[in-house]
PDB file of N, CA and C in Angstrom:
ATOM      1  N   MET A   1     148.331  15.175 -44.873  1.00  0.00           N
ATOM      2  CA  MET A   1     147.584  16.380 -45.186  1.00  0.00           C
ATOM      3  C   MET A   1     146.147  16.197 -44.678  1.00  0.00           C
ATOM      4  N   PRO A   2     145.678  17.067 -43.789  1.00  0.00           N
ATOM      5  CA  PRO A   2     144.315  16.950 -43.267  1.00  0.00           C
ATOM      6  C   PRO A   2     143.271  17.137 -44.373  1.00  0.00           C
ATOM      7  N   VAL A   3     142.197  16.376 -44.282  1.00  0.00           N
ATOM      8  CA  VAL A   3     141.117  16.441 -45.260  1.00  0.00           C
ATOM      9  C   VAL A   3     139.929  17.162 -44.635  1.00  0.00           C
ATOM     10  N   ILE A   4     139.425  18.155 -45.338  1.00  0.00           N
ATOM     11  CA  ILE A   4     138.270  18.925 -44.889  1.00  0.00           C
ATOM     12  C   ILE A   4     137.105  18.615 -45.821  1.00  0.00           C
ATOM     13  N   GLN A   5     135.988  18.230 -45.225  1.00  0.00           N
ATOM     14  CA  GLN A   5     134.772  17.972 -45.998  1.00  0.00           C
ATOM     15  C   GLN A   5     134.075  19.301 -46.267  1.00  0.00           C
ATOM     16  N   MET A   6     133.809  19.591 -47.528  1.00  0.00           N
ATOM     17  CA  MET A   6     133.214  20.879 -47.891  1.00  0.00           C
ATOM     18  C   MET A   6     131.776  21.032 -47.401  1.00  0.00           C
ATOM     19  N   HIS A   7     131.119  19.923 -47.085  1.00  0.00           N
ATOM     20  CA  HIS A   7     129.737  20.015 -46.616  1.00  0.00           C
ATOM     21  C   HIS A   7     129.638  19.957 -45.090  1.00  0.00           C
ATOM     22  N   ASP A   8     130.775  20.122 -44.428  1.00  0.00           N
ATOM     23  CA  ASP A   8     130.778  20.265 -42.972  1.00  0.00           C
ATOM     24  C   ASP A   8     130.570  21.750 -42.662  1.00  0.00           C
ATOM     25  N   THR A   9     130.079  22.048 -41.465  1.00  0.00           N
ATOM     26  CA  THR A   9     129.842  23.451 -41.128  1.00  0.00           C
ATOM     27  C   THR A   9     131.165  24.184 -40.903  1.00  0.00           C
ATOM     28  N   VAL A  10     131.128  25.471 -41.176  1.00  0.00           N
ATOM     29  CA  VAL A  10     132.309  26.317 -40.968  1.00  0.00           C
ATOM     30  C   VAL A  10     132.723  26.249 -39.495  1.00  0.00           C
ATOM     31  N   TYR A  11     131.754  26.250 -38.612  1.00  0.00           N
ATOM     32  CA  TYR A  11     132.042  26.179 -37.177  1.00  0.00           C
ATOM     33  C   TYR A  11     132.850  24.915 -36.846  1.00  0.00           C
ATOM     34  N   ASN A  12     132.383  23.758 -37.311  1.00  0.00           N
ATOM     35  CA  ASN A  12     133.083  22.504 -37.020  1.00  0.00           C
ATOM     36  C   ASN A  12     134.483  22.480 -37.623  1.00  0.00           C
ATOM     37  N   ILE A  13     134.609  23.010 -38.830  1.00  0.00           N
ATOM     38  CA  ILE A  13     135.917  23.025 -39.499  1.00  0.00           C
ATOM     39  C   ILE A  13     136.899  23.905 -38.725  1.00  0.00           C
ATOM     40  N   VAL A  14     136.455  25.105 -38.352  1.00  0.00           N
ATOM     41  CA  VAL A  14     137.333  26.031 -37.631  1.00  0.00           C
ATOM     42  C   VAL A  14     137.655  25.498 -36.239  1.00  0.00           C
ATOM     43  N   LYS A  15     136.688  24.848 -35.611  1.00  0.00           N
ATOM     44  CA  LYS A  15     136.939  24.272 -34.292  1.00  0.00           C
ATOM     45  C   LYS A  15     138.012  23.175 -34.372  1.00  0.00           C
ATOM     46  N   THR A  16     137.953  22.381 -35.438  1.00  0.00           N
ATOM     47  CA  THR A  16     138.927  21.301 -35.620  1.00  0.00           C
ATOM     48  C   THR A  16     140.272  21.821 -36.115  1.00  0.00           C
ATOM     49  N   TYR A  17     140.233  22.778 -37.033  1.00  0.00           N
ATOM     50  CA  TYR A  17     141.446  23.339 -37.634  1.00  0.00           C
ATOM     51  C   TYR A  17     141.392  24.870 -37.540  1.00  0.00           C
ATOM     52  N   PRO A  18     141.829  25.460 -36.428  1.00  0.00           N
ATOM     53  CA  PRO A  18     141.739  26.918 -36.240  1.00  0.00           C
ATOM     54  C   PRO A  18     142.400  27.742 -37.353  1.00  0.00           C
ATOM     55  N   LEU A  19     143.414  27.208 -38.004  1.00  0.00           N
ATOM     56  CA  LEU A  19     144.083  27.920 -39.093  1.00  0.00           C
ATOM     57  C   LEU A  19     143.121  28.231 -40.238  1.00  0.00           C
ATOM     58  N   VAL A  20     142.071  27.437 -40.366  1.00  0.00           N
ATOM     59  CA  VAL A  20     141.109  27.640 -41.450  1.00  0.00           C
ATOM     60  C   VAL A  20     140.458  29.025 -41.354  1.00  0.00           C
ATOM     61  N   LYS A  21     140.331  29.553 -40.153  1.00  0.00           N
ATOM     62  CA  LYS A  21     139.757  30.897 -39.997  1.00  0.00           C
ATOM     63  C   LYS A  21     140.598  31.907 -40.784  1.00  0.00           C
ATOM     64  N   ASP A  22     141.920  31.808 -40.697  1.00  0.00           N
ATOM     65  CA  ASP A  22     142.803  32.719 -41.432  1.00  0.00           C
ATOM     66  C   ASP A  22     142.671  32.522 -42.939  1.00  0.00           C
ATOM     67  N   ILE A  23     142.510  31.279 -43.363  1.00  0.00           N
ATOM     68  CA  ILE A  23     142.334  30.988 -44.789  1.00  0.00           C
ATOM     69  C   ILE A  23     141.026  31.611 -45.279  1.00  0.00           C
ATOM     70  N   MET A  24     139.975  31.487 -44.478  1.00  0.00           N
ATOM     71  CA  MET A  24     138.679  32.051 -44.850  1.00  0.00           C
ATOM     72  C   MET A  24     138.759  33.575 -44.960  1.00  0.00           C
ATOM     73  N   VAL A  25     139.501  34.211 -44.066  1.00  0.00           N
ATOM     74  CA  VAL A  25     139.686  35.664 -44.144  1.00  0.00           C
ATOM     75  C   VAL A  25     140.409  36.015 -45.444  1.00  0.00           C
ATOM     76  N   GLU A  26     141.420  35.232 -45.794  1.00  0.00           N
ATOM     77  CA  GLU A  26     142.151  35.444 -47.047  1.00  0.00           C
ATOM     78  C   GLU A  26     141.215  35.347 -48.250  1.00  0.00           C
ATOM     79  N   LEU A  27     140.191  34.505 -48.139  1.00  0.00           N
ATOM     80  CA  LEU A  27     139.220  34.334 -49.222  1.00  0.00           C
ATOM     81  C   LEU A  27     138.121  35.398 -49.210  1.00  0.00           C
ATOM     82  N   GLY A  28     138.158  36.295 -48.238  1.00  0.00           N
ATOM     83  CA  GLY A  28     137.191  37.378 -48.202  1.00  0.00           C
ATOM     84  C   GLY A  28     136.081  37.235 -47.174  1.00  0.00           C
ATOM     85  N   PHE A  29     136.153  36.215 -46.338  1.00  0.00           N
ATOM     86  CA  PHE A  29     135.142  35.995 -45.306  1.00  0.00           C
ATOM     87  C   PHE A  29     135.574  36.686 -44.013  1.00  0.00           C
ATOM     88  N   SER A  30     135.642  38.010 -44.030  1.00  0.00           N
ATOM     89  CA  SER A  30     136.182  38.756 -42.892  1.00  0.00           C
ATOM     90  C   SER A  30     135.311  38.666 -41.639  1.00  0.00           C
ATOM     91  N   LYS A  31     134.017  38.452 -41.798  1.00  0.00           N
ATOM     92  CA  LYS A  31     133.124  38.406 -40.635  1.00  0.00           C
ATOM     93  C   LYS A  31     133.337  37.165 -39.774  1.00  0.00           C
ATOM     94  N   ILE A  32     134.035  36.179 -40.307  1.00  0.00           N
ATOM     95  CA  ILE A  32     134.268  34.953 -39.546  1.00  0.00           C
ATOM     96  C   ILE A  32     135.132  35.211 -38.313  1.00  0.00           C
ATOM     97  N   THR A  33     135.834  36.326 -38.290  1.00  0.00           N
ATOM     98  CA  THR A  33     136.670  36.645 -37.140  1.00  0.00           C
ATOM     99  C   THR A  33     135.837  37.074 -35.937  1.00  0.00           C
ATOM    100  N   LYS A  34     134.575  37.441 -36.177  1.00  0.00           N
ATOM    101  CA  LYS A  34     133.677  37.821 -35.085  1.00  0.00           C
ATOM    102  C   LYS A  34     133.108  36.557 -34.456  1.00  0.00           C
ATOM    103  N   LYS A  35     133.356  36.394 -33.175  1.00  0.00           N
ATOM    104  CA  LYS A  35     132.941  35.180 -32.476  1.00  0.00           C
ATOM    105  C   LYS A  35     131.452  34.913 -32.622  1.00  0.00           C
ATOM    106  N   VAL A  36     130.632  35.960 -32.537  1.00  0.00           N
ATOM    107  CA  VAL A  36     129.184  35.777 -32.617  1.00  0.00           C
ATOM    108  C   VAL A  36     128.774  35.247 -33.993  1.00  0.00           C
ATOM    109  N   VAL A  37     129.436  35.667 -35.049  1.00  0.00           N
ATOM    110  CA  VAL A  37     129.130  35.182 -36.399  1.00  0.00           C
ATOM    111  C   VAL A  37     129.522  33.716 -36.525  1.00  0.00           C
ATOM    112  N   LEU A  38     130.716  33.390 -36.066  1.00  0.00           N
ATOM    113  CA  LEU A  38     131.174  31.999 -36.135  1.00  0.00           C
ATOM    114  C   LEU A  38     130.264  31.090 -35.322  1.00  0.00           C
ATOM    115  N   GLU A  39     129.848  31.547 -34.148  1.00  0.00           N
ATOM    116  CA  GLU A  39     129.029  30.724 -33.248  1.00  0.00           C
ATOM    117  C   GLU A  39     127.575  30.605 -33.724  1.00  0.00           C
ATOM    118  N   SER A  40     127.118  31.522 -34.562  1.00  0.00           N
ATOM    119  CA  SER A  40     125.723  31.456 -35.012  1.00  0.00           C
ATOM    120  C   SER A  40     125.646  30.986 -36.467  1.00  0.00           C
ATOM    121  N   VAL A  41     126.019  31.843 -37.374  1.00  0.00           N
ATOM    122  CA  VAL A  41     125.951  31.502 -38.796  1.00  0.00           C
ATOM    123  C   VAL A  41     126.875  30.327 -39.116  1.00  0.00           C
ATOM    124  N   GLY A  42     128.036  30.303 -38.491  1.00  0.00           N
ATOM    125  CA  GLY A  42     129.001  29.230 -38.745  1.00  0.00           C
ATOM    126  C   GLY A  42     128.494  27.848 -38.390  1.00  0.00           C
ATOM    127  N   ARG A  43     127.520  27.777 -37.498  1.00  0.00           N
ATOM    128  CA  ARG A  43     126.958  26.474 -37.104  1.00  0.00           C
ATOM    129  C   ARG A  43     126.002  25.902 -38.146  1.00  0.00           C
ATOM    130  N   VAL A  44     125.473  26.749 -39.013  1.00  0.00           N
ATOM    131  CA  VAL A  44     124.540  26.265 -40.035  1.00  0.00           C
ATOM    132  C   VAL A  44     125.093  26.369 -41.450  1.00  0.00           C
ATOM    133  N   MET A  45     126.073  27.238 -41.652  1.00  0.00           N
ATOM    134  CA  MET A  45     126.649  27.441 -42.977  1.00  0.00           C
ATOM    135  C   MET A  45     127.764  26.429 -43.236  1.00  0.00           C
ATOM    136  N   THR A  46     127.612  25.688 -44.340  1.00  0.00           N
ATOM    137  CA  THR A  46     128.691  24.778 -44.720  1.00  0.00           C
ATOM    138  C   THR A  46     129.726  25.560 -45.526  1.00  0.00           C
ATOM    139  N   LEU A  47     130.912  25.013 -45.603  1.00  0.00           N
ATOM    140  CA  LEU A  47     131.960  25.646 -46.398  1.00  0.00           C
ATOM    141  C   LEU A  47     131.497  25.760 -47.844  1.00  0.00           C
ATOM    142  N   HIS A  48     130.894  24.715 -48.354  1.00  0.00           N
ATOM    143  CA  HIS A  48     130.430  24.694 -49.740  1.00  0.00           C
ATOM    144  C   HIS A  48     129.400  25.798 -49.995  1.00  0.00           C
ATOM    145  N   LYS A  49     128.397  25.927 -49.126  1.00  0.00           N
ATOM    146  CA  LYS A  49     127.373  26.968 -49.290  1.00  0.00           C
ATOM    147  C   LYS A  49     127.980  28.364 -49.203  1.00  0.00           C
ATOM    148  N   GLY A  50     128.905  28.560 -48.266  1.00  0.00           N
ATOM    149  CA  GLY A  50     129.555  29.859 -48.119  1.00  0.00           C
ATOM    150  C   GLY A  50     130.346  30.253 -49.354  1.00  0.00           C
ATOM    151  N   LEU A  51     131.055  29.289 -49.925  1.00  0.00           N
ATOM    152  CA  LEU A  51     131.828  29.565 -51.135  1.00  0.00           C
ATOM    153  C   LEU A  51     130.910  29.905 -52.299  1.00  0.00           C
ATOM    154  N   GLN A  52     129.781  29.197 -52.393  1.00  0.00           N
ATOM    155  CA  GLN A  52     128.813  29.502 -53.447  1.00  0.00           C
ATOM    156  C   GLN A  52     128.224  30.899 -53.264  1.00  0.00           C
ATOM    157  N   MET A  53     127.874  31.255 -52.040  1.00  0.00           N
ATOM    158  CA  MET A  53     127.286  32.564 -51.769  1.00  0.00           C
ATOM    159  C   MET A  53     128.243  33.706 -52.125  1.00  0.00           C
ATOM    160  N   HIS A  54     129.536  33.458 -51.947  1.00  0.00           N
ATOM    161  CA  HIS A  54     130.553  34.481 -52.234  1.00  0.00           C
ATOM    162  C   HIS A  54     131.117  34.336 -53.647  1.00  0.00           C
ATOM    163  N   HIS A  55     130.495  33.467 -54.454  1.00  0.00           N
ATOM    164  CA  HIS A  55     130.891  33.260 -55.848  1.00  0.00           C
ATOM    165  C   HIS A  55     132.382  32.939 -55.989  1.00  0.00           C
ATOM    166  N   GLN A  56     132.844  32.049 -55.118  1.00  0.00           N
ATOM    167  CA  GLN A  56     134.254  31.646 -55.143  1.00  0.00           C
ATOM    168  C   GLN A  56     134.437  30.465 -56.102  1.00  0.00           C
ATOM    169  N   ASP A  57     135.522  30.490 -56.859  1.00  0.00           N
ATOM    170  CA  ASP A  57     135.874  29.394 -57.748  1.00  0.00           C
ATOM    171  C   ASP A  57     136.446  28.249 -56.910  1.00  0.00           C
ATOM    172  N   ILE A  58     135.792  27.103 -56.952  1.00  0.00           N
ATOM    173  CA  ILE A  58     136.176  25.970 -56.106  1.00  0.00           C
ATOM    174  C   ILE A  58     137.614  25.518 -56.397  1.00  0.00           C
ATOM    175  N   ALA A  59     138.014  25.509 -57.656  1.00  0.00           N
ATOM    176  CA  ALA A  59     139.384  25.091 -58.003  1.00  0.00           C
ATOM    177  C   ALA A  59     140.408  26.030 -57.365  1.00  0.00           C
ATOM    178  N   MET A  60     140.133  27.332 -57.396  1.00  0.00           N
ATOM    179  CA  MET A  60     141.035  28.306 -56.791  1.00  0.00           C
ATOM    180  C   MET A  60     141.083  28.116 -55.269  1.00  0.00           C
ATOM    181  N   VAL A  61     139.925  27.858 -54.682  1.00  0.00           N
ATOM    182  CA  VAL A  61     139.848  27.659 -53.228  1.00  0.00           C
ATOM    183  C   VAL A  61     140.629  26.407 -52.834  1.00  0.00           C
ATOM    184  N   ARG A  62     140.502  25.343 -53.616  1.00  0.00           N
ATOM    185  CA  ARG A  62     141.275  24.110 -53.338  1.00  0.00           C
ATOM    186  C   ARG A  62     142.777  24.403 -53.366  1.00  0.00           C
ATOM    187  N   THR A  63     143.209  25.234 -54.311  1.00  0.00           N
ATOM    188  CA  THR A  63     144.624  25.589 -54.427  1.00  0.00           C
ATOM    189  C   THR A  63     145.092  26.350 -53.192  1.00  0.00           C
ATOM    190  N   ILE A  64     144.268  27.288 -52.722  1.00  0.00           N
ATOM    191  CA  ILE A  64     144.639  28.064 -51.534  1.00  0.00           C
ATOM    192  C   ILE A  64     144.708  27.159 -50.305  1.00  0.00           C
ATOM    193  N   PHE A  65     143.732  26.285 -50.132  1.00  0.00           N
ATOM    194  CA  PHE A  65     143.770  25.364 -48.998  1.00  0.00           C
ATOM    195  C   PHE A  65     144.979  24.432 -49.094  1.00  0.00           C
ATOM    196  N   ALA A  66     145.337  24.003 -50.308  1.00  0.00           N
ATOM    197  CA  ALA A  66     146.511  23.132 -50.498  1.00  0.00           C
ATOM    198  C   ALA A  66     147.792  23.856 -50.101  1.00  0.00           C
ATOM    199  N   LYS A  67     147.824  25.160 -50.321  1.00  0.00           N
ATOM    200  CA  LYS A  67     148.990  25.962 -49.928  1.00  0.00           C
ATOM    201  C   LYS A  67     149.231  25.855 -48.418  1.00  0.00           C
ATOM    202  N   TYR A  68     148.147  25.660 -47.670  1.00  0.00           N
ATOM    203  CA  TYR A  68     148.227  25.502 -46.214  1.00  0.00           C
ATOM    204  C   TYR A  68     148.183  24.033 -45.787  1.00  0.00           C
ATOM    205  N   ASN A  69     148.409  23.146 -46.743  1.00  0.00           N
ATOM    206  CA  ASN A  69     148.463  21.695 -46.515  1.00  0.00           C
ATOM    207  C   ASN A  69     147.129  21.081 -46.105  1.00  0.00           C
ATOM    208  N   PHE A  70     146.034  21.598 -46.658  1.00  0.00           N
ATOM    209  CA  PHE A  70     144.716  21.000 -46.452  1.00  0.00           C
ATOM    210  C   PHE A  70     144.195  20.491 -47.787  1.00  0.00           C
ATOM    211  N   THR A  71     143.458  19.406 -47.734  1.00  0.00           N
ATOM    212  CA  THR A  71     142.773  18.876 -48.903  1.00  0.00           C
ATOM    213  C   THR A  71     141.279  19.079 -48.703  1.00  0.00           C
ATOM    214  N   LEU A  72     140.611  19.611 -49.720  1.00  0.00           N
ATOM    215  CA  LEU A  72     139.160  19.776 -49.661  1.00  0.00           C
ATOM    216  C   LEU A  72     138.504  18.626 -50.397  1.00  0.00           C
ATOM    217  N   GLU A  73     137.526  18.002 -49.758  1.00  0.00           N
ATOM    218  CA  GLU A  73     136.762  16.925 -50.378  1.00  0.00           C
ATOM    219  C   GLU A  73     135.299  17.317 -50.401  1.00  0.00           C
ATOM    220  N   ASP A  74     134.671  17.038 -51.528  1.00  0.00           N
ATOM    221  CA  ASP A  74     133.234  17.267 -51.642  1.00  0.00           C
ATOM    222  C   ASP A  74     132.570  15.897 -51.571  1.00  0.00           C
ATOM    223  N   ASN A  75     132.048  15.559 -50.404  1.00  0.00           N
ATOM    224  CA  ASN A  75     131.481  14.227 -50.229  1.00  0.00           C
ATOM    225  C   ASN A  75     130.122  14.078 -50.909  1.00  0.00           C
ATOM    226  N   HIS A  76     129.704  15.087 -51.683  1.00  0.00           N
ATOM    227  CA  HIS A  76     128.448  15.009 -52.436  1.00  0.00           C
ATOM    228  C   HIS A  76     128.692  14.959 -53.928  1.00  0.00           C
ATOM    229  N   GLU A  77     129.965  14.858 -54.341  1.00  0.00           N
ATOM    230  CA  GLU A  77     130.274  14.804 -55.772  1.00  0.00           C
ATOM    231  C   GLU A  77     129.979  13.430 -56.300  1.00  0.00           C
TER     232      GLU A  77
END
């Protein structure tokens, strides 16, 4: 099961695991499908910061990522 660091940028995560873009859309991050958003904001926004900004429950997000066989790690815990 691939491990995704929550404090990595959205851009790096999506570049490494393209399926994550679909997961992010499922979580309500519809703008990530726009290349310009991913290439600009995605380069500075971490997954953790994005989830906080959208008031996402981390436990629920971990469950959704697990459904797609990804493990989320918070390397700052």
